[in-house]
């Protein structure tokens, strides 16, 4: 009666061990490099998607309940009077938690890149701005109520929700998040394909050795375990290297964006929760490579023998 062959761990130097029968270098091959590159690209893509998601969330929270009132009046003395009336009317309305007129110097600074520095000297009519904050979300009915309250005494007032100005920006952020998710999925598929091809190549190179192992009593599961362990070790090495490289790249990019000094962009900085999710990428890569190698070996051996 033929006894099953007892397989030794990979790298065993004991004479007759399976680690000697199936060379470990042939099992790993390019797997560490492939996993390192894929993990690095996946972490960068995932970090971009998480940063965009956080940026959109922070922007929506800041603009929620925000209303901007423009006083479009070319005569400065009339405009200033209407600003005071609008502030008084809005402050008395229920549901309005904050009302503040934006200083005209700040408004001139906002339009300076488009109208130039000589805005006041050129008598260009620049509207006055009032920033208001409502309790709860800004709906169409609430905007109509504000317009109706201002229509009689402040005829030149234009009321708009702050979030409507950035709808195209939010749409672009959503598209970029979907793109980042698609890249992560494609990189996962590419990793699976690379491991599958490398495992099949290793099986083809060791076909005669595998047949001998079978004759000595080795089972398909024992042989698959050899490839599984080798792939797991190689994928772990590549995953750690790829994650370290990705962290350096993400940190450098984050520093570049932080130097811009833009408040909206700074809202997309990654916190500990995002970094924890990114740390799961190499773990998932190792698990994906190991499972792929095992299933590939088992399926190939079923067809081979």
C-alpha atoms as a PDB file:
ATOM      1  CA  UNK A   1       0.000   0.000   0.000  1.00  0.00           C
ATOM      2  CA  UNK A   2       1.432   3.365  -1.066  1.00  0.00           C
ATOM      3  CA  UNK A   3       1.980   5.813   1.820  1.00  0.00           C
ATOM      4  CA  UNK A   4       1.383   9.563   1.267  1.00  0.00           C
ATOM      5  CA  UNK A   5       4.528  11.641   0.963  1.00  0.00           C
ATOM      6  CA  UNK A   6       5.175  13.929   3.937  1.00  0.00           C
ATOM      7  CA  UNK A   7       6.061  17.361   2.537  1.00  0.00           C
ATOM      8  CA  UNK A   8       8.455  19.672   4.318  1.00  0.00           C
ATOM      9  CA  UNK A   9       8.180  23.471   4.520  1.00  0.00           C
ATOM     10  CA  UNK A  10       9.610  25.587   1.744  1.00  0.00           C
ATOM     11  CA  UNK A  11      13.326  26.150   2.087  1.00  0.00           C
ATOM     12  CA  UNK A  12      13.987  22.945   4.018  1.00  0.00           C
ATOM     13  CA  UNK A  13      17.474  21.632   3.438  1.00  0.00           C
ATOM     14  CA  UNK A  14      16.744  18.117   4.620  1.00  0.00           C
ATOM     15  CA  UNK A  15      17.574  15.527   2.013  1.00  0.00           C
ATOM     16  CA  UNK A  16      14.516  14.365   0.164  1.00  0.00           C
ATOM     17  CA  UNK A  17      12.394  17.365   1.282  1.00  0.00           C
ATOM     18  CA  UNK A  18       9.872  18.805  -1.143  1.00  0.00           C
ATOM     19  CA  UNK A  19      11.617  22.160  -0.930  1.00  0.00           C
ATOM     20  CA  UNK A  20      14.506  20.499  -2.785  1.00  0.00           C
ATOM     21  CA  UNK A  21      12.253  18.817  -5.337  1.00  0.00           C
ATOM     22  CA  UNK A  22      10.486  22.046  -6.387  1.00  0.00           C
ATOM     23  CA  UNK A  23      12.946  24.982  -6.408  1.00  0.00           C
ATOM     24  CA  UNK A  24      11.619  27.971  -4.553  1.00  0.00           C
ATOM     25  CA  UNK A  25      13.098  30.489  -7.003  1.00  0.00           C
ATOM     26  CA  UNK A  26      10.971  29.051  -9.771  1.00  0.00           C
ATOM     27  CA  UNK A  27       7.845  29.443  -7.678  1.00  0.00           C
ATOM     28  CA  UNK A  28       8.243  33.094  -6.837  1.00  0.00           C
ATOM     29  CA  UNK A  29       9.749  34.381 -10.098  1.00  0.00           C
ATOM     30  CA  UNK A  30       8.566  37.931 -10.823  1.00  0.00           C
ATOM     31  CA  UNK A  31       5.788  37.784  -8.205  1.00  0.00           C
ATOM     32  CA  UNK A  32       7.475  40.131  -5.655  1.00  0.00           C
ATOM     33  CA  UNK A  33       8.063  42.811  -8.282  1.00  0.00           C
ATOM     34  CA  UNK A  34       4.585  42.469  -9.740  1.00  0.00           C
ATOM     35  CA  UNK A  35       2.925  42.640  -6.317  1.00  0.00           C
ATOM     36  CA  UNK A  36       5.077  45.612  -5.281  1.00  0.00           C
ATOM     37  CA  UNK A  37       4.127  47.607  -8.379  1.00  0.00           C
ATOM     38  CA  UNK A  38       0.454  46.680  -8.166  1.00  0.00           C
ATOM     39  CA  UNK A  39       0.220  47.457  -4.443  1.00  0.00           C
ATOM     40  CA  UNK A  40       1.948  50.798  -4.912  1.00  0.00           C
ATOM     41  CA  UNK A  41      -0.392  51.840  -7.730  1.00  0.00           C
ATOM     42  CA  UNK A  42      -3.449  50.542  -5.877  1.00  0.00           C
ATOM     43  CA  UNK A  43      -2.585  52.420  -2.685  1.00  0.00           C
ATOM     44  CA  UNK A  44      -2.001  55.647  -4.631  1.00  0.00           C
ATOM     45  CA  UNK A  45      -5.305  55.269  -6.501  1.00  0.00           C
ATOM     46  CA  UNK A  46      -7.169  54.368  -3.303  1.00  0.00           C
ATOM     47  CA  UNK A  47      -5.585  57.286  -1.439  1.00  0.00           C
ATOM     48  CA  UNK A  48      -6.706  59.642  -4.186  1.00  0.00           C
ATOM     49  CA  UNK A  49     -10.247  58.298  -4.042  1.00  0.00           C
ATOM     50  CA  UNK A  50     -10.400  58.564  -0.233  1.00  0.00           C
ATOM     51  CA  UNK A  51      -8.995  62.103  -0.302  1.00  0.00           C
ATOM     52  CA  UNK A  52     -11.587  63.172  -2.892  1.00  0.00           C
ATOM     53  CA  UNK A  53     -14.372  61.559  -0.866  1.00  0.00           C
ATOM     54  CA  UNK A  54     -13.289  63.371   2.296  1.00  0.00           C
ATOM     55  CA  UNK A  55     -12.857  66.642   0.408  1.00  0.00           C
ATOM     56  CA  UNK A  56     -16.384  66.431  -1.010  1.00  0.00           C
ATOM     57  CA  UNK A  57     -17.813  65.551   2.412  1.00  0.00           C
ATOM     58  CA  UNK A  58     -16.066  68.469   4.140  1.00  0.00           C
ATOM     59  CA  UNK A  59     -17.144  70.896   1.414  1.00  0.00           C
ATOM     60  CA  UNK A  60     -20.770  69.743   1.581  1.00  0.00           C
ATOM     61  CA  UNK A  61     -20.820  70.100   5.370  1.00  0.00           C
ATOM     62  CA  UNK A  62     -19.360  73.593   5.198  1.00  0.00           C
ATOM     63  CA  UNK A  63     -21.801  74.735   2.508  1.00  0.00           C
ATOM     64  CA  UNK A  64     -24.861  73.059   4.021  1.00  0.00           C
ATOM     65  CA  UNK A  65     -27.282  75.771   5.064  1.00  0.00           C
ATOM     66  CA  UNK A  66     -25.184  78.487   3.437  1.00  0.00           C
ATOM     67  CA  UNK A  67     -26.896  81.244   1.431  1.00  0.00           C
ATOM     68  CA  UNK A  68     -25.308  84.123  -0.471  1.00  0.00           C
ATOM     69  CA  UNK A  69     -27.210  87.342  -1.166  1.00  0.00           C
ATOM     70  CA  UNK A  70     -25.902  89.649  -3.890  1.00  0.00           C
ATOM     71  CA  UNK A  71     -26.926  93.299  -3.921  1.00  0.00           C
ATOM     72  CA  UNK A  72     -26.566  94.223  -7.581  1.00  0.00           C
ATOM     73  CA  UNK A  73     -26.634  98.019  -7.537  1.00  0.00           C
ATOM     74  CA  UNK A  74     -24.221 100.354  -9.328  1.00  0.00           C
ATOM     75  CA  UNK A  75     -24.729 103.372  -7.018  1.00  0.00           C
ATOM     76  CA  UNK A  76     -22.579 102.833  -3.904  1.00  0.00           C
ATOM     77  CA  UNK A  77     -24.770 104.877  -1.547  1.00  0.00           C
ATOM     78  CA  UNK A  78     -27.939 103.006  -2.585  1.00  0.00           C
ATOM     79  CA  UNK A  79     -26.127  99.675  -2.443  1.00  0.00           C
ATOM     80  CA  UNK A  80     -24.862 100.305   1.098  1.00  0.00           C
ATOM     81  CA  UNK A  81     -28.350 101.218   2.263  1.00  0.00           C
ATOM     82  CA  UNK A  82     -29.847  98.073   0.759  1.00  0.00           C
ATOM     83  CA  UNK A  83     -27.139  95.965   2.399  1.00  0.00           C
ATOM     84  CA  UNK A  84     -28.100  97.300   5.830  1.00  0.00           C
ATOM     85  CA  UNK A  85     -31.796  96.703   5.115  1.00  0.00           C
ATOM     86  CA  UNK A  86     -31.131  93.157   3.877  1.00  0.00           C
ATOM     87  CA  UNK A  87     -29.061  92.308   6.983  1.00  0.00           C
ATOM     88  CA  UNK A  88     -31.793  93.636   9.266  1.00  0.00           C
ATOM     89  CA  UNK A  89     -34.560  91.749   7.428  1.00  0.00           C
ATOM     90  CA  UNK A  90     -32.653  88.463   7.310  1.00  0.00           C
ATOM     91  CA  UNK A  91     -31.675  88.647  10.985  1.00  0.00           C
ATOM     92  CA  UNK A  92     -35.356  88.888  11.942  1.00  0.00           C
ATOM     93  CA  UNK A  93     -36.452  85.886   9.877  1.00  0.00           C
ATOM     94  CA  UNK A  94     -37.009  82.541  11.646  1.00  0.00           C
ATOM     95  CA  UNK A  95     -34.522  79.809  10.761  1.00  0.00           C
ATOM     96  CA  UNK A  96     -31.702  82.265   9.962  1.00  0.00           C
ATOM     97  CA  UNK A  97     -28.881  81.633  12.422  1.00  0.00           C
ATOM     98  CA  UNK A  98     -26.212  83.976  11.078  1.00  0.00           C
ATOM     99  CA  UNK A  99     -26.063  87.016   8.799  1.00  0.00           C
ATOM    100  CA  UNK A 100     -22.922  88.982   7.931  1.00  0.00           C
ATOM    101  CA  UNK A 101     -22.105  91.449   5.186  1.00  0.00           C
ATOM    102  CA  UNK A 102     -18.864  90.639   3.389  1.00  0.00           C
ATOM    103  CA  UNK A 103     -16.483  93.643   3.551  1.00  0.00           C
ATOM    104  CA  UNK A 104     -16.216  95.377   0.202  1.00  0.00           C
ATOM    105  CA  UNK A 105     -12.429  95.057   0.307  1.00  0.00           C
ATOM    106  CA  UNK A 106     -12.768  91.259   0.288  1.00  0.00           C
ATOM    107  CA  UNK A 107     -15.239  91.410  -2.596  1.00  0.00           C
ATOM    108  CA  UNK A 108     -12.847  93.605  -4.593  1.00  0.00           C
ATOM    109  CA  UNK A 109     -10.036  91.136  -3.866  1.00  0.00           C
ATOM    110  CA  UNK A 110     -12.206  88.280  -5.174  1.00  0.00           C
ATOM    111  CA  UNK A 111     -12.899  90.001  -8.506  1.00  0.00           C
ATOM    112  CA  UNK A 112      -9.436  91.524  -8.878  1.00  0.00           C
ATOM    113  CA  UNK A 113      -7.981  88.593 -10.912  1.00  0.00           C
ATOM    114  CA  UNK A 114     -10.703  89.141 -13.537  1.00  0.00           C
ATOM    115  CA  UNK A 115     -11.305  92.928 -13.435  1.00  0.00           C
ATOM    116  CA  UNK A 116      -7.831  94.156 -12.494  1.00  0.00           C
ATOM    117  CA  UNK A 117      -6.564  96.303  -9.636  1.00  0.00           C
ATOM    118  CA  UNK A 118      -8.242  99.568 -10.755  1.00  0.00           C
ATOM    119  CA  UNK A 119     -11.789  98.361 -10.142  1.00  0.00           C
ATOM    120  CA  UNK A 120     -12.805 101.301  -7.953  1.00  0.00           C
ATOM    121  CA  UNK A 121     -11.143 103.941 -10.146  1.00  0.00           C
ATOM    122  CA  UNK A 122     -12.802 102.531 -13.264  1.00  0.00           C
ATOM    123  CA  UNK A 123     -16.298 102.814 -11.680  1.00  0.00           C
ATOM    124  CA  UNK A 124     -17.043  99.183 -12.407  1.00  0.00           C
ATOM    125  CA  UNK A 125     -20.186  98.183 -10.450  1.00  0.00           C
ATOM    126  CA  UNK A 126     -19.271  95.362  -8.125  1.00  0.00           C
ATOM    127  CA  UNK A 127     -22.166  93.759  -6.216  1.00  0.00           C
ATOM    128  CA  UNK A 128     -22.155  93.636  -2.439  1.00  0.00           C
ATOM    129  CA  UNK A 129     -22.273  90.205  -0.809  1.00  0.00           C
ATOM    130  CA  UNK A 130     -24.072  89.018   2.319  1.00  0.00           C
ATOM    131  CA  UNK A 131     -23.304  85.643   3.849  1.00  0.00           C
ATOM    132  CA  UNK A 132     -26.243  83.984   5.654  1.00  0.00           C
ATOM    133  CA  UNK A 133     -26.539  80.655   7.438  1.00  0.00           C
ATOM    134  CA  UNK A 134     -29.803  78.743   7.802  1.00  0.00           C
ATOM    135  CA  UNK A 135     -30.664  76.045  10.309  1.00  0.00           C
ATOM    136  CA  UNK A 136     -31.018  72.855   8.316  1.00  0.00           C
ATOM    137  CA  UNK A 137     -30.599  72.292   4.577  1.00  0.00           C
ATOM    138  CA  UNK A 138     -31.338  74.945   1.985  1.00  0.00           C
ATOM    139  CA  UNK A 139     -34.371  73.934  -0.050  1.00  0.00           C
ATOM    140  CA  UNK A 140     -36.065  75.629  -2.994  1.00  0.00           C
ATOM    141  CA  UNK A 141     -39.009  76.681  -0.813  1.00  0.00           C
ATOM    142  CA  UNK A 142     -36.715  78.276   1.765  1.00  0.00           C
ATOM    143  CA  UNK A 143     -34.923  80.206  -0.964  1.00  0.00           C
ATOM    144  CA  UNK A 144     -38.253  81.445  -2.316  1.00  0.00           C
ATOM    145  CA  UNK A 145     -39.243  82.600   1.186  1.00  0.00           C
ATOM    146  CA  UNK A 146     -36.014  84.584   1.480  1.00  0.00           C
ATOM    147  CA  UNK A 147     -36.518  86.157  -1.933  1.00  0.00           C
ATOM    148  CA  UNK A 148     -40.084  87.102  -1.074  1.00  0.00           C
ATOM    149  CA  UNK A 149     -38.967  88.710   2.209  1.00  0.00           C
ATOM    150  CA  UNK A 150     -36.342  90.825   0.431  1.00  0.00           C
ATOM    151  CA  UNK A 151     -38.265  91.631  -2.745  1.00  0.00           C
ATOM    152  CA  UNK A 152     -40.174  94.620  -1.395  1.00  0.00           C
ATOM    153  CA  UNK A 153     -37.450  96.621   0.384  1.00  0.00           C
ATOM    154  CA  UNK A 154     -34.342  95.249  -1.345  1.00  0.00           C
ATOM    155  CA  UNK A 155     -35.312  94.922  -5.031  1.00  0.00           C
ATOM    156  CA  UNK A 156     -31.757  94.385  -6.287  1.00  0.00           C
ATOM    157  CA  UNK A 157     -31.126  91.367  -4.018  1.00  0.00           C
ATOM    158  CA  UNK A 158     -30.349  87.977  -5.569  1.00  0.00           C
ATOM    159  CA  UNK A 159     -30.483  84.945  -3.300  1.00  0.00           C
ATOM    160  CA  UNK A 160     -28.614  81.734  -4.136  1.00  0.00           C
ATOM    161  CA  UNK A 161     -27.619  78.633  -2.194  1.00  0.00           C
ATOM    162  CA  UNK A 162     -23.854  78.364  -1.864  1.00  0.00           C
ATOM    163  CA  UNK A 163     -23.945  74.662  -2.758  1.00  0.00           C
ATOM    164  CA  UNK A 164     -25.438  75.388  -6.192  1.00  0.00           C
ATOM    165  CA  UNK A 165     -22.288  77.244  -7.222  1.00  0.00           C
ATOM    166  CA  UNK A 166     -20.188  74.145  -6.662  1.00  0.00           C
ATOM    167  CA  UNK A 167     -22.491  71.562  -8.231  1.00  0.00           C
ATOM    168  CA  UNK A 168     -20.142  71.106 -11.231  1.00  0.00           C
ATOM    169  CA  UNK A 169     -17.231  70.690  -8.809  1.00  0.00           C
ATOM    170  CA  UNK A 170     -19.094  68.051  -6.783  1.00  0.00           C
ATOM    171  CA  UNK A 171     -19.999  66.260 -10.020  1.00  0.00           C
ATOM    172  CA  UNK A 172     -16.348  66.206 -11.070  1.00  0.00           C
ATOM    173  CA  UNK A 173     -15.295  64.907  -7.642  1.00  0.00           C
ATOM    174  CA  UNK A 174     -17.833  62.082  -7.878  1.00  0.00           C
ATOM    175  CA  UNK A 175     -16.534  61.127 -11.327  1.00  0.00           C
ATOM    176  CA  UNK A 176     -12.950  61.083 -10.064  1.00  0.00           C
ATOM    177  CA  UNK A 177     -13.950  58.867  -7.130  1.00  0.00           C
ATOM    178  CA  UNK A 178     -15.563  56.389  -9.521  1.00  0.00           C
ATOM    179  CA  UNK A 179     -12.422  56.491 -11.652  1.00  0.00           C
ATOM    180  CA  UNK A 180     -10.256  55.720  -8.599  1.00  0.00           C
ATOM    181  CA  UNK A 181     -12.521  52.787  -7.716  1.00  0.00           C
ATOM    182  CA  UNK A 182     -12.317  51.475 -11.284  1.00  0.00           C
ATOM    183  CA  UNK A 183      -8.510  51.708 -11.167  1.00  0.00           C
ATOM    184  CA  UNK A 184      -8.403  49.737  -7.904  1.00  0.00           C
ATOM    185  CA  UNK A 185     -10.576  46.995  -9.392  1.00  0.00           C
ATOM    186  CA  UNK A 186      -8.519  46.865 -12.600  1.00  0.00           C
ATOM    187  CA  UNK A 187      -5.265  46.653 -10.639  1.00  0.00           C
ATOM    188  CA  UNK A 188      -6.716  43.802  -8.591  1.00  0.00           C
ATOM    189  CA  UNK A 189      -7.646  42.011 -11.800  1.00  0.00           C
ATOM    190  CA  UNK A 190      -4.169  42.618 -13.215  1.00  0.00           C
ATOM    191  CA  UNK A 191      -2.588  41.225 -10.042  1.00  0.00           C
ATOM    192  CA  UNK A 192      -4.708  38.087 -10.270  1.00  0.00           C
ATOM    193  CA  UNK A 193      -3.782  37.612 -13.919  1.00  0.00           C
ATOM    194  CA  UNK A 194      -0.069  38.069 -13.244  1.00  0.00           C
ATOM    195  CA  UNK A 195      -0.087  35.517 -10.394  1.00  0.00           C
ATOM    196  CA  UNK A 196      -2.092  33.094 -12.513  1.00  0.00           C
ATOM    197  CA  UNK A 197       0.386  33.300 -15.406  1.00  0.00           C
ATOM    198  CA  UNK A 198       3.420  33.018 -13.115  1.00  0.00           C
ATOM    199  CA  UNK A 199       1.952  29.977 -11.353  1.00  0.00           C
ATOM    200  CA  UNK A 200       1.143  28.241 -14.630  1.00  0.00           C
ATOM    201  CA  UNK A 201       4.658  28.935 -15.863  1.00  0.00           C
ATOM    202  CA  UNK A 202       6.131  27.451 -12.682  1.00  0.00           C
ATOM    203  CA  UNK A 203       3.908  24.396 -13.035  1.00  0.00           C
ATOM    204  CA  UNK A 204       5.040  23.885 -16.619  1.00  0.00           C
ATOM    205  CA  UNK A 205       8.693  24.179 -15.627  1.00  0.00           C
ATOM    206  CA  UNK A 206       8.289  21.612 -12.840  1.00  0.00           C
ATOM    207  CA  UNK A 207       5.943  19.185 -14.595  1.00  0.00           C
ATOM    208  CA  UNK A 208       8.343  16.238 -14.394  1.00  0.00           C
ATOM    209  CA  UNK A 209       9.077  16.900 -10.728  1.00  0.00           C
ATOM    210  CA  UNK A 210       5.365  17.070  -9.955  1.00  0.00           C
ATOM    211  CA  UNK A 211       4.805  13.716 -11.657  1.00  0.00           C
ATOM    212  CA  UNK A 212       7.546  12.174  -9.510  1.00  0.00           C
ATOM    213  CA  UNK A 213       5.997  13.663  -6.367  1.00  0.00           C
ATOM    214  CA  UNK A 214       2.687  12.082  -7.354  1.00  0.00           C
ATOM    215  CA  UNK A 215       4.357   8.715  -7.872  1.00  0.00           C
ATOM    216  CA  UNK A 216       5.889   8.999  -4.398  1.00  0.00           C
ATOM    217  CA  UNK A 217       2.416   9.515  -2.908  1.00  0.00           C
ATOM    218  CA  UNK A 218       2.109  13.299  -2.893  1.00  0.00           C
ATOM    219  CA  UNK A 219      -1.399  14.701  -3.256  1.00  0.00           C
ATOM    220  CA  UNK A 220      -2.644  17.685  -5.251  1.00  0.00           C
ATOM    221  CA  UNK A 221      -3.340  19.554  -2.018  1.00  0.00           C
ATOM    222  CA  UNK A 222       0.233  19.035  -0.797  1.00  0.00           C
ATOM    223  CA  UNK A 223       1.696  20.283  -4.057  1.00  0.00           C
ATOM    224  CA  UNK A 224      -0.675  23.283  -4.064  1.00  0.00           C
ATOM    225  CA  UNK A 225       0.479  24.093  -0.533  1.00  0.00           C
ATOM    226  CA  UNK A 226       4.060  24.390  -1.781  1.00  0.00           C
ATOM    227  CA  UNK A 227       3.115  26.973  -4.395  1.00  0.00           C
ATOM    228  CA  UNK A 228       0.746  28.665  -1.979  1.00  0.00           C
ATOM    229  CA  UNK A 229       3.457  29.182   0.646  1.00  0.00           C
ATOM    230  CA  UNK A 230       6.026  30.368  -1.867  1.00  0.00           C
ATOM    231  CA  UNK A 231       3.581  32.817  -3.418  1.00  0.00           C
ATOM    232  CA  UNK A 232       2.509  34.086   0.012  1.00  0.00           C
ATOM    233  CA  UNK A 233       6.120  34.798   1.007  1.00  0.00           C
ATOM    234  CA  UNK A 234       6.908  36.495  -2.304  1.00  0.00           C
ATOM    235  CA  UNK A 235       3.671  38.518  -2.214  1.00  0.00           C
ATOM    236  CA  UNK A 236       4.354  39.634   1.357  1.00  0.00           C
ATOM    237  CA  UNK A 237       7.787  40.913   0.394  1.00  0.00           C
ATOM    238  CA  UNK A 238       6.385  42.748  -2.616  1.00  0.00           C
ATOM    239  CA  UNK A 239       3.390  44.070  -0.660  1.00  0.00           C
ATOM    240  CA  UNK A 240       5.555  45.591   2.064  1.00  0.00           C
ATOM    241  CA  UNK A 241       7.890  47.201  -0.463  1.00  0.00           C
ATOM    242  CA  UNK A 242       5.026  48.498  -2.590  1.00  0.00           C
ATOM    243  CA  UNK A 243       3.146  49.923   0.394  1.00  0.00           C
ATOM    244  CA  UNK A 244       6.272  51.688   1.670  1.00  0.00           C
ATOM    245  CA  UNK A 245       6.868  53.259  -1.737  1.00  0.00           C
ATOM    246  CA  UNK A 246       3.216  54.308  -1.998  1.00  0.00           C
ATOM    247  CA  UNK A 247       3.292  55.945   1.446  1.00  0.00           C
ATOM    248  CA  UNK A 248       6.281  58.042   0.384  1.00  0.00           C
ATOM    249  CA  UNK A 249       4.525  59.115  -2.822  1.00  0.00           C
ATOM    250  CA  UNK A 250       1.243  59.946  -1.055  1.00  0.00           C
ATOM    251  CA  UNK A 251       3.047  61.940   1.640  1.00  0.00           C
ATOM    252  CA  UNK A 252       4.966  63.939  -0.962  1.00  0.00           C
ATOM    253  CA  UNK A 253       1.805  64.664  -2.948  1.00  0.00           C
ATOM    254  CA  UNK A 254      -0.026  65.648   0.232  1.00  0.00           C
ATOM    255  CA  UNK A 255       2.761  68.059   1.104  1.00  0.00           C
ATOM    256  CA  UNK A 256       2.576  69.628  -2.349  1.00  0.00           C
ATOM    257  CA  UNK A 257      -1.180  70.209  -2.040  1.00  0.00           C
ATOM    258  CA  UNK A 258      -0.798  71.512   1.522  1.00  0.00           C
ATOM    259  CA  UNK A 259       1.659  74.136   0.260  1.00  0.00           C
ATOM    260  CA  UNK A 260      -1.088  75.580  -1.963  1.00  0.00           C
ATOM    261  CA  UNK A 261      -2.712  77.040   1.127  1.00  0.00           C
ATOM    262  CA  UNK A 262      -6.252  76.490  -0.163  1.00  0.00           C
ATOM    263  CA  UNK A 263      -8.770  75.782   2.608  1.00  0.00           C
ATOM    264  CA  UNK A 264     -10.935  73.516   0.462  1.00  0.00           C
ATOM    265  CA  UNK A 265      -7.987  71.348  -0.594  1.00  0.00           C
ATOM    266  CA  UNK A 266      -6.730  71.014   2.981  1.00  0.00           C
ATOM    267  CA  UNK A 267     -10.065  69.388   3.846  1.00  0.00           C
ATOM    268  CA  UNK A 268      -9.022  66.325   1.839  1.00  0.00           C
ATOM    269  CA  UNK A 269      -6.107  65.370   4.076  1.00  0.00           C
ATOM    270  CA  UNK A 270      -6.094  61.714   5.101  1.00  0.00           C
ATOM    271  CA  UNK A 271      -6.818  60.768   8.701  1.00  0.00           C
ATOM    272  CA  UNK A 272      -6.009  57.647  10.684  1.00  0.00           C
ATOM    273  CA  UNK A 273      -9.114  55.847   9.400  1.00  0.00           C
ATOM    274  CA  UNK A 274      -8.105  56.398   5.762  1.00  0.00           C
ATOM    275  CA  UNK A 275      -4.561  55.204   6.465  1.00  0.00           C
ATOM    276  CA  UNK A 276      -5.964  52.119   8.176  1.00  0.00           C
ATOM    277  CA  UNK A 277      -7.991  51.330   5.058  1.00  0.00           C
ATOM    278  CA  UNK A 278      -4.912  51.852   2.879  1.00  0.00           C
ATOM    279  CA  UNK A 279      -2.910  49.473   5.095  1.00  0.00           C
ATOM    280  CA  UNK A 280      -5.407  46.751   4.198  1.00  0.00           C
ATOM    281  CA  UNK A 281      -4.421  46.982   0.514  1.00  0.00           C
ATOM    282  CA  UNK A 282      -1.167  44.946   0.791  1.00  0.00           C
ATOM    283  CA  UNK A 283      -2.947  42.454   3.067  1.00  0.00           C
ATOM    284  CA  UNK A 284      -5.651  42.020   0.448  1.00  0.00           C
ATOM    285  CA  UNK A 285      -2.977  41.732  -2.244  1.00  0.00           C
ATOM    286  CA  UNK A 286      -1.200  38.917  -0.413  1.00  0.00           C
ATOM    287  CA  UNK A 287      -4.469  37.081   0.207  1.00  0.00           C
ATOM    288  CA  UNK A 288      -5.525  37.498  -3.425  1.00  0.00           C
ATOM    289  CA  UNK A 289      -2.180  36.224  -4.739  1.00  0.00           C
ATOM    290  CA  UNK A 290      -2.142  33.247  -2.354  1.00  0.00           C
ATOM    291  CA  UNK A 291      -5.691  32.165  -3.149  1.00  0.00           C
ATOM    292  CA  UNK A 292      -5.100  32.623  -6.869  1.00  0.00           C
ATOM    293  CA  UNK A 293      -1.952  30.484  -6.756  1.00  0.00           C
ATOM    294  CA  UNK A 294      -3.653  27.675  -4.850  1.00  0.00           C
ATOM    295  CA  UNK A 295      -6.742  27.549  -7.072  1.00  0.00           C
ATOM    296  CA  UNK A 296      -4.598  27.730 -10.213  1.00  0.00           C
ATOM    297  CA  UNK A 297      -2.432  24.810  -9.074  1.00  0.00           C
ATOM    298  CA  UNK A 298      -5.379  22.651  -8.099  1.00  0.00           C
ATOM    299  CA  UNK A 299      -7.185  23.293 -11.361  1.00  0.00           C
ATOM    300  CA  UNK A 300      -4.068  22.767 -13.467  1.00  0.00           C
ATOM    301  CA  UNK A 301      -3.150  19.529 -11.696  1.00  0.00           C
ATOM    302  CA  UNK A 302      -6.657  18.196 -12.237  1.00  0.00           C
ATOM    303  CA  UNK A 303      -6.182  18.672 -15.949  1.00  0.00           C
ATOM    304  CA  UNK A 304      -2.540  17.624 -16.039  1.00  0.00           C
ATOM    305  CA  UNK A 305      -2.792  14.246 -14.312  1.00  0.00           C
END
